[in-house]
């Protein structure tokens, strides 16, 4: 089938997303990316600065060949078509052989059936499933309720709004500011404050909405990829979070978000979440132009789906393109490139993607490619 054949026949350039030091008060989405080249049986870590090669061949050529074939047959696939069972047992075995980094077995497993929760996305016209939002001013201060309401008025066409934490009263404020029918993808960011964060989250829900307003709750963001936790530690964090959420009356999906590369290299992550939630950005692939972002992203969805045994849906919880920053291989950071990338993502797999991000994060550090502040779409 398509998912296994793509992995068996191609070397794929993929981004490795981690954490970069920035404002310590809130490090949500502080990214430092490198490049990883993945083949069927090996993972080769490389540094940026020149087109990468695998077995003497440019990954750009290989990626373009695979994307061309994939786009011809799957450009209109949604997350729901990725639920198909694996054709044979070799699919999972083959995908798992790319995991050359050590993995720990999860100590807790998901409780769902791997499907995405229902939402009323058909009544929203954004072209993507959702968008991420951070409640900070350019100086890093907390935005007021009136400022959050003004921001959310520009995001009313998205069915989902993703938040990363509970600081700055962001859950309380977004619940009051969101459009009718919108749902929230909530998050606990600090792993030493899981139960306290969920208590604050539950209080906000009690005061300004209901658990029906919540699409998913994530426990942690890119913990394995950033080197701050092992798979078994993530499993423990999610177990703690799930127990606290259940006690608070929440019965929806619980996930831990990591990068597509970390998930493929650590398939134990697949067992922890109720469905698979990944962050993936084509800009950091080095060999992908903005106009090919959607096809590249669809390929990453397929690779993760296969690596996880084809048993759970995959939702991309961050993907986007900067409008300012350094040129990184074929990736040019410009307003025109950002528009091209977002259009491509929406056309290829918008129903499976949460865009990154609503507004520029001027409170962040510049980052390795001088682009971390400039991913805002509005």
Protein backbone atom coordinates (compact mmCIF):
# COMPACT_ATOMS: atom_id res chain seq x y z
CA UNK A 1 0.00 0.00 0.00
CA UNK A 2 1.03 3.63 -0.39
CA UNK A 3 2.19 4.25 3.19
CA UNK A 4 4.68 1.38 3.26
CA UNK A 5 5.89 1.78 -0.33
CA UNK A 6 6.77 5.43 0.24
CA UNK A 7 9.03 4.49 3.14
CA UNK A 8 10.54 1.46 1.41
CA UNK A 9 11.48 3.23 -1.82
CA UNK A 10 12.58 6.71 -0.78
CA UNK A 11 15.09 8.60 1.31
CA UNK A 12 13.25 11.47 2.90
CA UNK A 13 14.64 14.75 4.22
CA UNK A 14 12.86 15.55 7.50
CA UNK A 15 13.14 18.27 10.11
CA UNK A 16 14.24 17.61 13.67
CA UNK A 17 12.62 20.11 16.00
CA UNK A 18 13.86 20.81 19.49
CA UNK A 19 14.04 23.61 22.03
CA UNK A 20 16.05 26.82 21.98
CA UNK A 21 16.70 29.09 24.91
CA UNK A 22 14.45 32.15 24.99
CA UNK A 23 12.39 34.00 27.57
CA UNK A 24 12.30 31.69 30.61
CA UNK A 25 8.86 32.93 31.69
CA UNK A 26 7.17 31.11 28.83
CA UNK A 27 9.15 28.95 26.43
CA UNK A 28 6.15 27.71 24.45
CA UNK A 29 7.31 26.75 20.97
CA UNK A 30 10.90 27.84 21.37
CA UNK A 31 12.33 25.85 18.47
CA UNK A 32 15.80 24.96 17.37
CA UNK A 33 15.79 22.78 14.29
CA UNK A 34 18.38 20.58 12.68
CA UNK A 35 18.14 18.29 9.68
CA UNK A 36 17.83 14.53 9.65
CA UNK A 37 17.97 12.28 6.61
CA UNK A 38 15.95 9.09 7.07
CA UNK A 39 16.21 5.96 4.93
CA UNK A 40 14.60 2.56 5.35
CA UNK A 41 17.34 1.23 7.61
CA UNK A 42 19.40 4.15 8.85
CA UNK A 43 19.13 7.59 10.37
CA UNK A 44 21.96 9.94 9.43
CA UNK A 45 22.29 13.20 11.36
CA UNK A 46 23.74 15.99 9.26
CA UNK A 47 24.46 19.67 9.64
CA UNK A 48 22.90 22.35 7.51
CA UNK A 49 24.83 24.35 4.96
CA UNK A 50 24.80 22.26 1.79
CA UNK A 51 22.33 20.03 -0.04
CA UNK A 52 22.28 16.67 1.72
CA UNK A 53 22.97 13.35 0.04
CA UNK A 54 22.11 9.72 0.80
CA UNK A 55 24.11 7.03 -0.98
CA UNK A 56 25.49 9.66 -3.32
CA UNK A 57 22.07 10.94 -4.39
CA UNK A 58 20.54 14.28 -3.52
CA UNK A 59 17.66 14.04 -1.08
CA UNK A 60 16.03 16.85 -3.04
CA UNK A 61 15.72 14.68 -6.15
CA UNK A 62 14.48 11.72 -4.16
CA UNK A 63 11.96 13.80 -2.24
CA UNK A 64 10.63 15.47 -5.38
CA UNK A 65 10.18 12.07 -7.03
CA UNK A 66 8.27 10.65 -4.09
CA UNK A 67 6.15 13.76 -3.60
CA UNK A 68 5.19 13.73 -7.27
CA UNK A 69 3.92 10.17 -6.98
CA UNK A 70 2.20 10.80 -3.66
CA UNK A 71 0.52 14.00 -4.77
CA UNK A 72 -0.94 12.31 -7.83
CA UNK A 73 -2.90 9.85 -5.72
CA UNK A 74 -3.31 11.36 -2.27
CA UNK A 75 -3.40 15.15 -2.45
CA UNK A 76 -7.02 15.23 -1.33
CA UNK A 77 -6.72 12.69 1.49
CA UNK A 78 -7.85 13.80 4.93
CA UNK A 79 -6.86 12.47 8.34
CA UNK A 80 -9.81 10.12 8.24
CA UNK A 81 -8.49 8.21 5.22
CA UNK A 82 -5.36 7.41 7.22
CA UNK A 83 -7.30 5.01 9.45
CA UNK A 84 -7.02 2.13 6.96
CA UNK A 85 -5.51 -1.03 8.48
CA UNK A 86 -1.96 -1.96 7.55
CA UNK A 87 -1.95 -4.30 4.56
CA UNK A 88 0.51 -6.75 6.09
CA UNK A 89 2.67 -7.19 9.18
CA UNK A 90 5.82 -6.15 7.32
CA UNK A 91 4.65 -2.54 7.09
CA UNK A 92 5.12 -1.86 10.79
CA UNK A 93 8.35 -3.84 10.92
CA UNK A 94 9.86 -1.94 8.02
CA UNK A 95 8.86 1.46 9.37
CA UNK A 96 10.20 0.61 12.80
CA UNK A 97 13.66 -0.17 11.45
CA UNK A 98 14.34 3.54 11.04
CA UNK A 99 14.45 3.90 14.81
CA UNK A 100 18.16 3.68 15.47
CA UNK A 101 17.99 5.87 18.56
CA UNK A 102 17.19 4.04 21.79
CA UNK A 103 13.59 3.91 22.92
CA UNK A 104 12.02 3.07 26.24
CA UNK A 105 8.80 1.14 26.50
CA UNK A 106 5.87 3.24 27.57
CA UNK A 107 4.58 2.59 31.06
CA UNK A 108 1.12 3.85 30.19
CA UNK A 109 -0.98 3.38 27.07
CA UNK A 110 -3.74 5.33 25.39
CA UNK A 111 -7.35 4.65 26.23
CA UNK A 112 -8.98 5.61 22.92
CA UNK A 113 -9.36 3.79 19.61
CA UNK A 114 -6.90 6.03 17.76
CA UNK A 115 -9.51 8.11 15.95
CA UNK A 116 -9.81 11.88 16.02
CA UNK A 117 -12.71 13.37 17.99
CA UNK A 118 -15.68 14.75 16.11
CA UNK A 119 -15.94 18.48 15.57
CA UNK A 120 -18.03 20.84 13.49
CA UNK A 121 -15.17 21.79 11.17
CA UNK A 122 -17.41 21.75 8.10
CA UNK A 123 -18.97 25.03 9.22
CA UNK A 124 -15.60 26.81 9.32
CA UNK A 125 -13.96 28.08 6.14
CA UNK A 126 -10.28 28.57 7.05
CA UNK A 127 -9.08 25.67 4.91
CA UNK A 128 -7.08 24.18 7.80
CA UNK A 129 -8.29 22.37 10.89
CA UNK A 130 -6.95 24.97 13.31
CA UNK A 131 -4.30 27.50 14.25
CA UNK A 132 -1.99 27.99 17.24
CA UNK A 133 -2.28 31.03 19.50
CA UNK A 134 0.01 32.50 22.18
CA UNK A 135 -1.34 35.20 24.54
CA UNK A 136 1.76 37.39 24.82
CA UNK A 137 2.55 40.94 23.77
CA UNK A 138 5.70 41.77 21.81
CA UNK A 139 7.51 42.39 25.11
CA UNK A 140 6.41 39.04 26.56
CA UNK A 141 3.76 40.43 28.90
CA UNK A 142 0.32 38.83 29.18
CA UNK A 143 -2.36 40.13 26.84
CA UNK A 144 -5.54 41.46 28.41
CA UNK A 145 -8.96 39.92 27.83
CA UNK A 146 -9.84 42.73 25.41
CA UNK A 147 -6.63 42.11 23.44
CA UNK A 148 -7.34 38.37 23.29
CA UNK A 149 -10.87 39.07 22.08
CA UNK A 150 -9.49 41.32 19.34
CA UNK A 151 -7.04 38.60 18.27
CA UNK A 152 -9.62 35.81 18.30
CA UNK A 153 -11.98 37.87 16.15
CA UNK A 154 -9.44 37.41 13.33
CA UNK A 155 -9.38 33.63 13.86
CA UNK A 156 -13.11 32.92 13.77
CA UNK A 157 -12.86 30.86 10.57
CA UNK A 158 -10.85 28.08 12.28
CA UNK A 159 -12.62 25.22 14.03
CA UNK A 160 -9.73 24.68 16.49
CA UNK A 161 -7.52 27.04 18.49
CA UNK A 162 -4.41 25.42 19.97
CA UNK A 163 -3.00 26.75 23.26
CA UNK A 164 0.22 25.54 24.90
CA UNK A 165 -0.32 26.30 28.58
CA UNK A 166 -2.48 27.89 31.25
CA UNK A 167 -0.43 30.98 32.17
CA UNK A 168 -1.69 34.52 31.53
CA UNK A 169 -5.26 33.25 32.11
CA UNK A 170 -5.18 32.14 28.49
CA UNK A 171 -7.74 29.36 28.89
CA UNK A 172 -10.15 31.68 30.71
CA UNK A 173 -9.68 34.47 28.16
CA UNK A 174 -9.87 32.34 25.02
CA UNK A 175 -13.02 30.60 26.27
CA UNK A 176 -14.62 34.03 26.55
CA UNK A 177 -13.25 35.23 23.21
CA UNK A 178 -13.73 32.24 20.90
CA UNK A 179 -16.41 32.03 18.24
CA UNK A 180 -19.50 29.89 18.69
CA UNK A 181 -18.72 26.29 17.80
CA UNK A 182 -14.95 26.68 18.02
CA UNK A 183 -13.11 24.12 20.13
CA UNK A 184 -9.83 24.34 22.00
CA UNK A 185 -6.76 22.13 21.81
CA UNK A 186 -5.45 22.77 25.33
CA UNK A 187 -2.01 22.04 26.72
CA UNK A 188 0.04 21.56 29.85
CA UNK A 189 3.53 22.86 29.16
CA UNK A 190 5.46 22.49 32.43
CA UNK A 191 5.85 18.87 33.53
CA UNK A 192 6.47 19.82 37.15
CA UNK A 193 3.08 21.54 37.27
CA UNK A 194 0.77 19.01 35.59
CA UNK A 195 -1.84 18.66 38.32
CA UNK A 196 -1.80 22.37 39.21
CA UNK A 197 -2.18 23.27 35.54
CA UNK A 198 -5.12 20.91 35.09
CA UNK A 199 -6.74 22.32 38.22
CA UNK A 200 -6.54 25.82 36.73
CA UNK A 201 -7.79 24.51 33.39
CA UNK A 202 -10.76 22.82 35.05
CA UNK A 203 -11.60 25.99 36.98
CA UNK A 204 -11.62 27.99 33.73
CA UNK A 205 -13.86 25.40 32.10
CA UNK A 206 -16.25 25.51 35.05
CA UNK A 207 -16.46 29.31 34.93
CA UNK A 208 -16.57 30.02 31.20
CA UNK A 209 -17.59 26.90 29.30
CA UNK A 210 -17.72 23.12 29.50
CA UNK A 211 -15.49 20.19 28.61
CA UNK A 212 -17.49 19.99 25.37
CA UNK A 213 -15.47 23.06 24.29
CA UNK A 214 -12.25 21.02 24.47
CA UNK A 215 -11.09 18.97 21.49
CA UNK A 216 -7.95 17.51 23.06
CA UNK A 217 -5.55 18.11 25.95
CA UNK A 218 -1.82 17.69 25.35
CA UNK A 219 0.67 16.90 28.09
CA UNK A 220 4.02 18.28 26.97
CA UNK A 221 5.33 19.59 23.65
CA UNK A 222 8.36 18.03 21.90
CA UNK A 223 9.76 16.56 25.11
CA UNK A 224 11.61 13.62 23.52
CA UNK A 225 12.84 15.61 20.54
CA UNK A 226 14.11 18.36 22.82
CA UNK A 227 15.98 15.87 25.00
CA UNK A 228 14.10 16.82 28.16
CA UNK A 229 12.35 13.45 28.64
CA UNK A 230 12.53 9.79 27.66
CA UNK A 231 9.58 7.88 26.23
CA UNK A 232 8.92 6.26 29.60
CA UNK A 233 8.97 9.65 31.32
CA UNK A 234 6.50 11.03 28.78
CA UNK A 235 4.27 8.03 29.45
CA UNK A 236 4.38 8.81 33.17
CA UNK A 237 3.55 12.47 32.56
CA UNK A 238 0.59 11.57 30.34
CA UNK A 239 -0.65 9.03 32.89
CA UNK A 240 -0.54 11.70 35.60
CA UNK A 241 -2.33 14.17 33.35
CA UNK A 242 -4.97 11.69 32.25
CA UNK A 243 -5.78 10.76 35.85
CA UNK A 244 -6.12 14.41 36.87
CA UNK A 245 -8.26 15.20 33.82
CA UNK A 246 -10.55 12.23 34.48
CA UNK A 247 -10.98 13.35 38.07
CA UNK A 248 -11.90 16.82 36.78
CA UNK A 249 -14.61 15.36 34.54
CA UNK A 250 -12.82 15.38 31.17
CA UNK A 251 -13.30 12.25 29.04
CA UNK A 252 -11.82 13.36 25.70
CA UNK A 253 -8.49 12.56 24.03
CA UNK A 254 -5.17 13.07 25.83
CA UNK A 255 -1.94 13.22 23.81
CA UNK A 256 1.70 14.19 24.07
CA UNK A 257 2.92 16.18 21.07
CA UNK A 258 6.34 15.53 19.55
CA UNK A 259 8.00 15.98 16.18
CA UNK A 260 7.47 13.59 13.29
CA UNK A 261 11.13 12.52 13.44
CA UNK A 262 11.04 11.87 17.20
CA UNK A 263 7.88 9.80 16.78
CA UNK A 264 9.33 7.67 13.97
CA UNK A 265 12.58 7.16 15.89
CA UNK A 266 10.74 6.39 19.15
CA UNK A 267 7.65 4.33 18.23
CA UNK A 268 6.89 3.85 21.92
CA UNK A 269 5.39 7.35 21.72
CA UNK A 270 2.64 5.93 19.51
CA UNK A 271 1.25 3.89 22.40
CA UNK A 272 1.00 6.80 24.83
CA UNK A 273 -1.43 9.14 23.06
CA UNK A 274 -5.05 8.53 22.13
CA UNK A 275 -4.12 9.55 18.59
CA UNK A 276 -0.79 10.66 17.11
CA UNK A 277 -0.02 14.39 17.40
CA UNK A 278 3.07 15.72 15.60
CA UNK A 279 4.79 19.01 14.76
CA UNK A 280 6.37 19.23 11.29
CA UNK A 281 7.72 22.23 9.35
CA UNK A 282 8.88 21.95 5.74
CA UNK A 283 11.00 25.12 6.02
CA UNK A 284 13.56 23.20 8.10
CA UNK A 285 13.81 20.37 5.58
CA UNK A 286 16.39 22.47 3.67
CA UNK A 287 15.52 20.80 0.35
CA UNK A 288 11.85 21.78 0.09
CA UNK A 289 10.50 24.96 -1.50
CA UNK A 290 7.48 26.69 0.00
CA UNK A 291 5.13 25.62 -2.79
CA UNK A 292 5.82 21.94 -1.97
CA UNK A 293 5.05 22.25 1.75
CA UNK A 294 1.71 20.47 1.52
CA UNK A 295 3.03 17.46 -0.38
CA UNK A 296 6.01 17.25 2.00
CA UNK A 297 3.69 17.37 5.01
CA UNK A 298 1.38 14.70 3.61
CA UNK A 299 4.40 12.45 3.18
CA UNK A 300 5.40 12.97 6.84
CA UNK A 301 1.85 12.10 7.94
CA UNK A 302 2.06 8.88 5.97
CA UNK A 303 5.48 8.00 7.38
CA UNK A 304 4.35 8.54 10.97
CA UNK A 305 1.12 6.63 10.38
CA UNK A 306 3.12 3.66 9.09
CA UNK A 307 5.75 3.85 11.85
CA UNK A 308 2.92 3.68 14.40
CA UNK A 309 1.50 0.54 12.83
CA UNK A 310 -1.34 2.17 10.91
CA UNK A 311 -3.62 1.90 13.93
CA UNK A 312 -4.13 5.54 14.89
CA UNK A 313 -4.97 8.77 13.12
CA UNK A 314 -2.29 11.43 12.75
CA UNK A 315 -2.99 15.11 13.41
CA UNK A 316 -0.34 17.73 12.62
CA UNK A 317 -0.48 20.12 15.57
CA UNK A 318 2.03 22.64 14.17
CA UNK A 319 3.00 23.43 10.61
CA UNK A 320 3.74 26.70 8.86
CA UNK A 321 6.37 28.87 7.18
CA UNK A 322 8.18 32.06 8.29
CA UNK A 323 7.68 35.32 6.40
CA UNK A 324 11.07 36.66 7.48
CA UNK A 325 14.43 35.08 8.26
CA UNK A 326 17.42 33.44 6.60
CA UNK A 327 17.31 31.48 3.38
CA UNK A 328 17.83 27.84 4.37
CA UNK A 329 18.77 25.76 1.35
CA UNK A 330 15.75 25.88 -0.96
CA UNK A 331 13.62 27.41 1.80
CA UNK A 332 13.19 31.17 1.42
CA UNK A 333 11.57 33.09 4.27
CA UNK A 334 9.37 35.81 2.77
CA UNK A 335 5.71 36.92 2.79
CA UNK A 336 5.23 35.46 -0.69
CA UNK A 337 6.79 32.13 0.33
CA UNK A 338 4.62 31.96 3.44
CA UNK A 339 1.46 32.48 1.40
CA UNK A 340 2.57 29.79 -1.04
CA UNK A 341 3.35 27.33 1.76
CA UNK A 342 0.08 27.87 3.60
CA UNK A 343 -1.88 27.51 0.37
CA UNK A 344 -0.07 24.25 -0.41
CA UNK A 345 -0.70 22.86 3.09
CA UNK A 346 -4.40 23.68 2.90
CA UNK A 347 -4.73 22.08 -0.54
CA UNK A 348 -2.89 18.85 0.32
CA UNK A 349 -3.86 18.10 3.91
CA UNK A 350 -5.50 21.12 5.54
CA UNK A 351 -8.10 18.99 7.32
CA UNK A 352 -5.25 17.22 9.14
CA UNK A 353 -3.24 20.31 10.09
CA UNK A 354 -3.16 23.03 12.74
CA UNK A 355 -1.30 26.01 11.31
CA UNK A 356 1.57 27.71 13.13
CA UNK A 357 0.93 30.47 14.12
CA UNK A 358 -1.70 33.21 14.37
CA UNK A 359 0.56 36.22 15.05
CA UNK A 360 4.27 36.99 15.17
CA UNK A 361 5.97 36.05 18.45
CA UNK A 362 8.17 39.11 18.84
CA UNK A 363 8.92 38.16 22.45
CA UNK A 364 11.02 35.19 21.27
CA UNK A 365 14.73 35.02 20.52
CA UNK A 366 15.67 35.21 16.83
CA UNK A 367 16.73 31.56 16.64
CA UNK A 368 19.26 29.77 14.44
CA UNK A 369 17.77 30.97 11.13
CA UNK A 370 16.69 34.36 12.51
CA UNK A 371 13.08 33.41 11.86
CA UNK A 372 11.56 32.34 15.19
CA UNK A 373 9.69 35.60 15.68
CA UNK A 374 8.16 35.69 12.22
CA UNK A 375 5.75 32.80 11.68
CA UNK A 376 2.59 34.85 12.23
CA UNK A 377 -0.01 34.48 9.48
CA UNK A 378 -2.11 37.50 10.49
